[in-house]
Amino acid sequence: MMSNLLTVLLMSPAQQGSQSNPWSSLIPLLLIMVVFYFFLIRPQMKRQKELKNFRESLKKGDHIITAGGIYGKINNISDNVITVDVGNNVLLKVDKSAVLRDTSDVQNQQQ
């Protein structure tokens, strides 16, 4: 029953004499693009910029958390490799892009 109704509606001839405005079909598309930009793209670009600035400001002695969840203190920094002291004289080499945040952020969230 429903498919018959849809078939009849889709096969109906276009009305004569009424011209559709091309802008009326573009306005919803433009509104969707604006919403996506302000709610998805722009905040993501802001987070990426903040993370890049954080990674560039890292220095020896900072406490960090890696993407794998490893907590440690920076022992040495070279171009893209950070040596992290995780305790008991255990040193790990991690890529700079694996560093997500400072442990002070976690301590502030717990309080």
N, C-alpha and C. Protein backbone atom coordinates (compact mmCIF):
# COMPACT_ATOMS: atom_id res chain seq x y z
N MET A 1 0.82 -1.19 0.00
CA MET A 1 0.00 0.00 0.00
C MET A 1 0.87 1.26 0.00
N MET A 2 1.87 1.30 0.91
CA MET A 2 2.73 2.48 1.02
C MET A 2 3.59 2.64 -0.23
N SER A 3 4.10 1.53 -0.76
CA SER A 3 4.95 1.62 -1.95
C SER A 3 4.13 2.09 -3.16
N ASN A 4 2.86 1.72 -3.24
CA ASN A 4 2.01 2.19 -4.34
C ASN A 4 1.81 3.70 -4.26
N LEU A 5 1.62 4.20 -3.05
CA LEU A 5 1.43 5.63 -2.86
C LEU A 5 2.69 6.39 -3.26
N LEU A 6 3.86 5.88 -2.85
CA LEU A 6 5.12 6.53 -3.22
C LEU A 6 5.34 6.51 -4.72
N THR A 7 4.98 5.43 -5.36
CA THR A 7 5.12 5.32 -6.81
C THR A 7 4.26 6.36 -7.52
N VAL A 8 3.03 6.52 -7.06
CA VAL A 8 2.12 7.49 -7.67
C VAL A 8 2.65 8.91 -7.46
N LEU A 9 3.15 9.21 -6.26
CA LEU A 9 3.64 10.55 -5.98
C LEU A 9 4.89 10.88 -6.78
N LEU A 10 5.77 9.90 -6.92
CA LEU A 10 7.01 10.13 -7.66
C LEU A 10 6.79 10.25 -9.16
N MET A 11 5.76 9.62 -9.66
CA MET A 11 5.51 9.65 -11.10
C MET A 11 4.62 10.82 -11.51
N SER A 12 4.16 11.60 -10.57
CA SER A 12 3.28 12.72 -10.93
C SER A 12 4.06 13.74 -11.76
N PRO A 13 3.43 14.32 -12.76
CA PRO A 13 4.13 15.29 -13.60
C PRO A 13 4.41 16.59 -12.84
N ALA A 14 5.47 17.25 -13.24
CA ALA A 14 5.82 18.52 -12.62
C ALA A 14 4.77 19.55 -12.95
N GLN A 15 4.54 20.47 -12.03
CA GLN A 15 3.53 21.50 -12.25
C GLN A 15 4.03 22.48 -13.31
N GLN A 16 3.13 22.85 -14.16
CA GLN A 16 3.45 23.79 -15.24
C GLN A 16 3.37 25.22 -14.71
N GLY A 17 4.29 26.05 -15.15
CA GLY A 17 4.21 27.47 -14.84
C GLY A 17 4.92 27.87 -13.56
N SER A 18 5.20 26.94 -12.69
CA SER A 18 5.90 27.33 -11.45
C SER A 18 7.38 27.02 -11.62
N GLN A 19 8.17 28.03 -11.42
CA GLN A 19 9.60 27.86 -11.55
C GLN A 19 10.20 27.85 -10.14
N SER A 20 11.08 26.90 -9.89
CA SER A 20 11.69 26.83 -8.56
C SER A 20 12.92 27.73 -8.53
N ASN A 21 13.11 28.36 -7.43
CA ASN A 21 14.25 29.24 -7.24
C ASN A 21 15.48 28.37 -6.94
N PRO A 22 16.58 28.55 -7.67
CA PRO A 22 17.76 27.71 -7.42
C PRO A 22 18.36 27.95 -6.03
N TRP A 23 18.15 29.14 -5.47
CA TRP A 23 18.69 29.43 -4.13
C TRP A 23 17.95 28.66 -3.05
N SER A 24 16.69 28.35 -3.29
CA SER A 24 15.92 27.64 -2.27
C SER A 24 16.45 26.23 -2.03
N SER A 25 17.06 25.65 -3.01
CA SER A 25 17.64 24.31 -2.81
C SER A 25 19.06 24.39 -2.26
N LEU A 26 19.74 25.51 -2.42
CA LEU A 26 21.10 25.66 -1.91
C LEU A 26 21.16 26.11 -0.45
N ILE A 27 20.15 26.82 -0.01
CA ILE A 27 20.16 27.36 1.36
C ILE A 27 20.28 26.27 2.42
N PRO A 28 19.50 25.19 2.37
CA PRO A 28 19.67 24.14 3.39
C PRO A 28 21.07 23.51 3.36
N LEU A 29 21.62 23.33 2.18
CA LEU A 29 22.96 22.76 2.06
C LEU A 29 24.00 23.69 2.69
N LEU A 30 23.88 24.98 2.43
CA LEU A 30 24.80 25.95 3.02
C LEU A 30 24.66 26.00 4.53
N LEU A 31 23.45 25.92 5.04
CA LEU A 31 23.24 25.91 6.49
C LEU A 31 23.87 24.69 7.14
N ILE A 32 23.76 23.56 6.50
CA ILE A 32 24.38 22.34 7.02
C ILE A 32 25.89 22.49 7.06
N MET A 33 26.46 23.07 6.02
CA MET A 33 27.91 23.26 5.98
C MET A 33 28.37 24.21 7.09
N VAL A 34 27.62 25.27 7.34
CA VAL A 34 27.96 26.23 8.39
C VAL A 34 27.89 25.56 9.76
N VAL A 35 26.87 24.77 9.99
CA VAL A 35 26.74 24.06 11.27
C VAL A 35 27.89 23.09 11.46
N PHE A 36 28.24 22.33 10.44
CA PHE A 36 29.37 21.42 10.54
C PHE A 36 30.66 22.16 10.85
N TYR A 37 30.86 23.30 10.22
CA TYR A 37 32.09 24.06 10.46
C TYR A 37 32.18 24.53 11.91
N PHE A 38 31.12 25.14 12.42
CA PHE A 38 31.18 25.72 13.76
C PHE A 38 31.11 24.68 14.88
N PHE A 39 30.46 23.55 14.66
CA PHE A 39 30.33 22.57 15.72
C PHE A 39 31.30 21.41 15.63
N LEU A 40 31.89 21.15 14.48
CA LEU A 40 32.80 20.01 14.34
C LEU A 40 34.20 20.40 13.90
N ILE A 41 34.31 21.11 12.82
CA ILE A 41 35.62 21.38 12.23
C ILE A 41 36.41 22.40 13.03
N ARG A 42 35.80 23.51 13.39
CA ARG A 42 36.51 24.58 14.10
C ARG A 42 37.01 24.13 15.47
N PRO A 43 36.18 23.47 16.31
CA PRO A 43 36.70 23.02 17.60
C PRO A 43 37.83 21.99 17.47
N GLN A 44 37.75 21.13 16.46
CA GLN A 44 38.81 20.14 16.26
C GLN A 44 40.11 20.82 15.86
N MET A 45 40.04 21.84 15.01
CA MET A 45 41.24 22.57 14.62
C MET A 45 41.85 23.27 15.84
N LYS A 46 41.01 23.79 16.72
CA LYS A 46 41.49 24.46 17.92
C LYS A 46 42.21 23.47 18.83
N ARG A 47 41.63 22.27 19.02
CA ARG A 47 42.28 21.25 19.86
C ARG A 47 43.61 20.81 19.27
N GLN A 48 43.67 20.66 17.95
CA GLN A 48 44.92 20.25 17.31
C GLN A 48 46.00 21.32 17.50
N LYS A 49 45.62 22.59 17.41
CA LYS A 49 46.57 23.67 17.59
C LYS A 49 47.08 23.71 19.02
N GLU A 50 46.19 23.53 20.01
CA GLU A 50 46.60 23.50 21.41
C GLU A 50 47.54 22.34 21.69
N LEU A 51 47.25 21.17 21.12
CA LEU A 51 48.10 20.00 21.33
C LEU A 51 49.47 20.21 20.70
N LYS A 52 49.52 20.84 19.52
CA LYS A 52 50.80 21.12 18.87
C LYS A 52 51.62 22.09 19.71
N ASN A 53 50.99 23.13 20.24
CA ASN A 53 51.70 24.08 21.09
C ASN A 53 52.19 23.42 22.37
N PHE A 54 51.38 22.51 22.95
CA PHE A 54 51.80 21.79 24.15
C PHE A 54 53.03 20.93 23.87
N ARG A 55 53.02 20.21 22.76
CA ARG A 55 54.15 19.34 22.43
C ARG A 55 55.42 20.14 22.16
N GLU A 56 55.28 21.32 21.58
CA GLU A 56 56.45 22.16 21.31
C GLU A 56 57.01 22.78 22.59
N SER A 57 56.17 22.92 23.62
CA SER A 57 56.62 23.55 24.86
C SER A 57 57.16 22.56 25.88
N LEU A 58 57.23 21.27 25.54
CA LEU A 58 57.74 20.27 26.47
C LEU A 58 59.21 20.52 26.77
N LYS A 59 59.59 20.26 28.02
CA LYS A 59 60.99 20.43 28.42
C LYS A 59 61.36 19.33 29.41
N LYS A 60 62.64 19.19 29.65
CA LYS A 60 63.15 18.18 30.56
C LYS A 60 62.57 18.40 31.95
N GLY A 61 62.11 17.32 32.56
CA GLY A 61 61.55 17.39 33.90
C GLY A 61 60.03 17.45 33.95
N ASP A 62 59.38 17.68 32.81
CA ASP A 62 57.91 17.72 32.78
C ASP A 62 57.35 16.32 32.99
N HIS A 63 56.25 16.24 33.71
CA HIS A 63 55.53 14.98 33.89
C HIS A 63 54.47 14.88 32.81
N ILE A 64 54.43 13.74 32.13
CA ILE A 64 53.55 13.59 30.96
C ILE A 64 52.78 12.28 31.02
N ILE A 65 51.79 12.19 30.15
CA ILE A 65 51.04 10.96 29.91
C ILE A 65 51.08 10.69 28.41
N THR A 66 51.44 9.46 28.03
CA THR A 66 51.50 9.12 26.61
C THR A 66 50.14 8.60 26.13
N ALA A 67 50.03 8.40 24.84
CA ALA A 67 48.79 7.89 24.25
C ALA A 67 48.50 6.48 24.73
N GLY A 68 49.54 5.74 25.12
CA GLY A 68 49.35 4.39 25.63
C GLY A 68 49.02 4.35 27.10
N GLY A 69 48.94 5.51 27.76
CA GLY A 69 48.60 5.56 29.17
C GLY A 69 49.79 5.45 30.10
N ILE A 70 50.98 5.68 29.60
CA ILE A 70 52.19 5.59 30.41
C ILE A 70 52.47 6.95 31.04
N TYR A 71 52.60 6.93 32.37
CA TYR A 71 52.93 8.14 33.12
C TYR A 71 54.44 8.17 33.30
N GLY A 72 55.04 9.33 33.14
CA GLY A 72 56.47 9.43 33.34
C GLY A 72 56.95 10.86 33.35
N LYS A 73 58.28 10.99 33.53
CA LYS A 73 58.92 12.30 33.57
C LYS A 73 59.91 12.36 32.42
N ILE A 74 59.92 13.48 31.70
CA ILE A 74 60.81 13.62 30.55
C ILE A 74 62.25 13.69 31.04
N ASN A 75 63.08 12.79 30.47
CA ASN A 75 64.50 12.74 30.80
C ASN A 75 65.34 13.44 29.74
N ASN A 76 64.93 13.32 28.47
CA ASN A 76 65.68 13.91 27.37
C ASN A 76 64.73 14.13 26.19
N ILE A 77 64.98 15.20 25.44
CA ILE A 77 64.18 15.47 24.25
C ILE A 77 65.11 15.71 23.08
N SER A 78 64.90 14.96 22.01
CA SER A 78 65.57 15.26 20.75
C SER A 78 64.48 15.66 19.76
N ASP A 79 64.76 15.67 18.48
CA ASP A 79 63.81 16.19 17.50
C ASP A 79 62.39 15.66 17.70
N ASN A 80 62.19 14.39 17.43
CA ASN A 80 60.85 13.80 17.56
C ASN A 80 60.81 12.67 18.57
N VAL A 81 61.89 12.45 19.30
CA VAL A 81 61.95 11.35 20.26
C VAL A 81 62.12 11.92 21.66
N ILE A 82 61.31 11.42 22.58
CA ILE A 82 61.38 11.84 23.98
C ILE A 82 61.74 10.61 24.80
N THR A 83 62.73 10.76 25.67
CA THR A 83 63.08 9.69 26.59
C THR A 83 62.35 9.97 27.89
N VAL A 84 61.53 8.99 28.32
CA VAL A 84 60.68 9.16 29.49
C VAL A 84 61.15 8.22 30.59
N ASP A 85 61.35 8.77 31.78
CA ASP A 85 61.70 7.98 32.96
C ASP A 85 60.39 7.58 33.63
N VAL A 86 60.12 6.25 33.68
CA VAL A 86 58.88 5.76 34.26
C VAL A 86 59.07 5.22 35.66
N GLY A 87 60.27 5.32 36.21
CA GLY A 87 60.55 4.88 37.58
C GLY A 87 61.49 3.71 37.60
N ASN A 88 62.20 3.52 38.72
CA ASN A 88 63.15 2.42 38.90
C ASN A 88 64.20 2.38 37.80
N ASN A 89 64.66 3.54 37.36
CA ASN A 89 65.68 3.67 36.32
C ASN A 89 65.27 3.01 35.00
N VAL A 90 63.99 3.00 34.72
CA VAL A 90 63.49 2.48 33.45
C VAL A 90 63.22 3.66 32.53
N LEU A 91 63.91 3.68 31.39
CA LEU A 91 63.76 4.75 30.41
C LEU A 91 63.09 4.20 29.15
N LEU A 92 62.10 4.91 28.67
CA LEU A 92 61.40 4.53 27.45
C LEU A 92 61.57 5.63 26.42
N LYS A 93 61.78 5.25 25.19
CA LYS A 93 61.81 6.22 24.10
C LYS A 93 60.43 6.20 23.44
N VAL A 94 59.83 7.37 23.38
CA VAL A 94 58.52 7.48 22.72
C VAL A 94 58.57 8.61 21.71
N ASP A 95 57.73 8.50 20.72
CA ASP A 95 57.62 9.56 19.71
C ASP A 95 56.92 10.77 20.33
N LYS A 96 57.31 11.94 19.94
CA LYS A 96 56.74 13.17 20.49
C LYS A 96 55.23 13.24 20.24
N SER A 97 54.78 12.67 19.14
CA SER A 97 53.36 12.72 18.83
C SER A 97 52.53 11.81 19.74
N ALA A 98 53.19 10.92 20.52
CA ALA A 98 52.47 10.05 21.44
C ALA A 98 52.17 10.72 22.77
N VAL A 99 52.73 11.90 23.02
CA VAL A 99 52.49 12.61 24.26
C VAL A 99 51.16 13.35 24.14
N LEU A 100 50.25 13.07 25.10
CA LEU A 100 48.93 13.67 25.03
C LEU A 100 48.75 14.86 25.95
N ARG A 101 49.21 14.73 27.19
CA ARG A 101 48.99 15.84 28.12
C ARG A 101 49.91 15.75 29.31
N ASP A 102 49.83 16.80 30.11
CA ASP A 102 50.61 16.93 31.32
C ASP A 102 49.84 16.28 32.46
N THR A 103 50.52 15.68 33.43
CA THR A 103 49.82 15.04 34.53
C THR A 103 49.15 16.04 35.45
N SER A 104 49.52 17.30 35.40
CA SER A 104 48.83 18.30 36.23
C SER A 104 47.38 18.46 35.78
N ASP A 105 47.11 18.20 34.48
CA ASP A 105 45.73 18.25 34.00
C ASP A 105 44.88 17.19 34.71
N VAL A 106 45.44 16.00 34.90
CA VAL A 106 44.72 14.91 35.54
C VAL A 106 44.49 15.23 37.01
N GLN A 107 45.49 15.79 37.68
CA GLN A 107 45.36 16.14 39.09
C GLN A 107 44.31 17.22 39.27
N ASN A 108 44.23 18.17 38.36
CA ASN A 108 43.21 19.23 38.45
C ASN A 108 41.81 18.68 38.23
N GLN A 109 41.65 17.67 37.39
CA GLN A 109 40.34 17.09 37.12
C GLN A 109 39.85 16.27 38.31
N GLN A 110 40.78 15.64 39.05
CA GLN A 110 40.38 14.81 40.19
C GLN A 110 39.94 15.63 41.37
N GLN A 111 40.37 16.87 41.47
CA GLN A 111 40.03 17.71 42.62
C GLN A 111 38.70 18.36 42.48
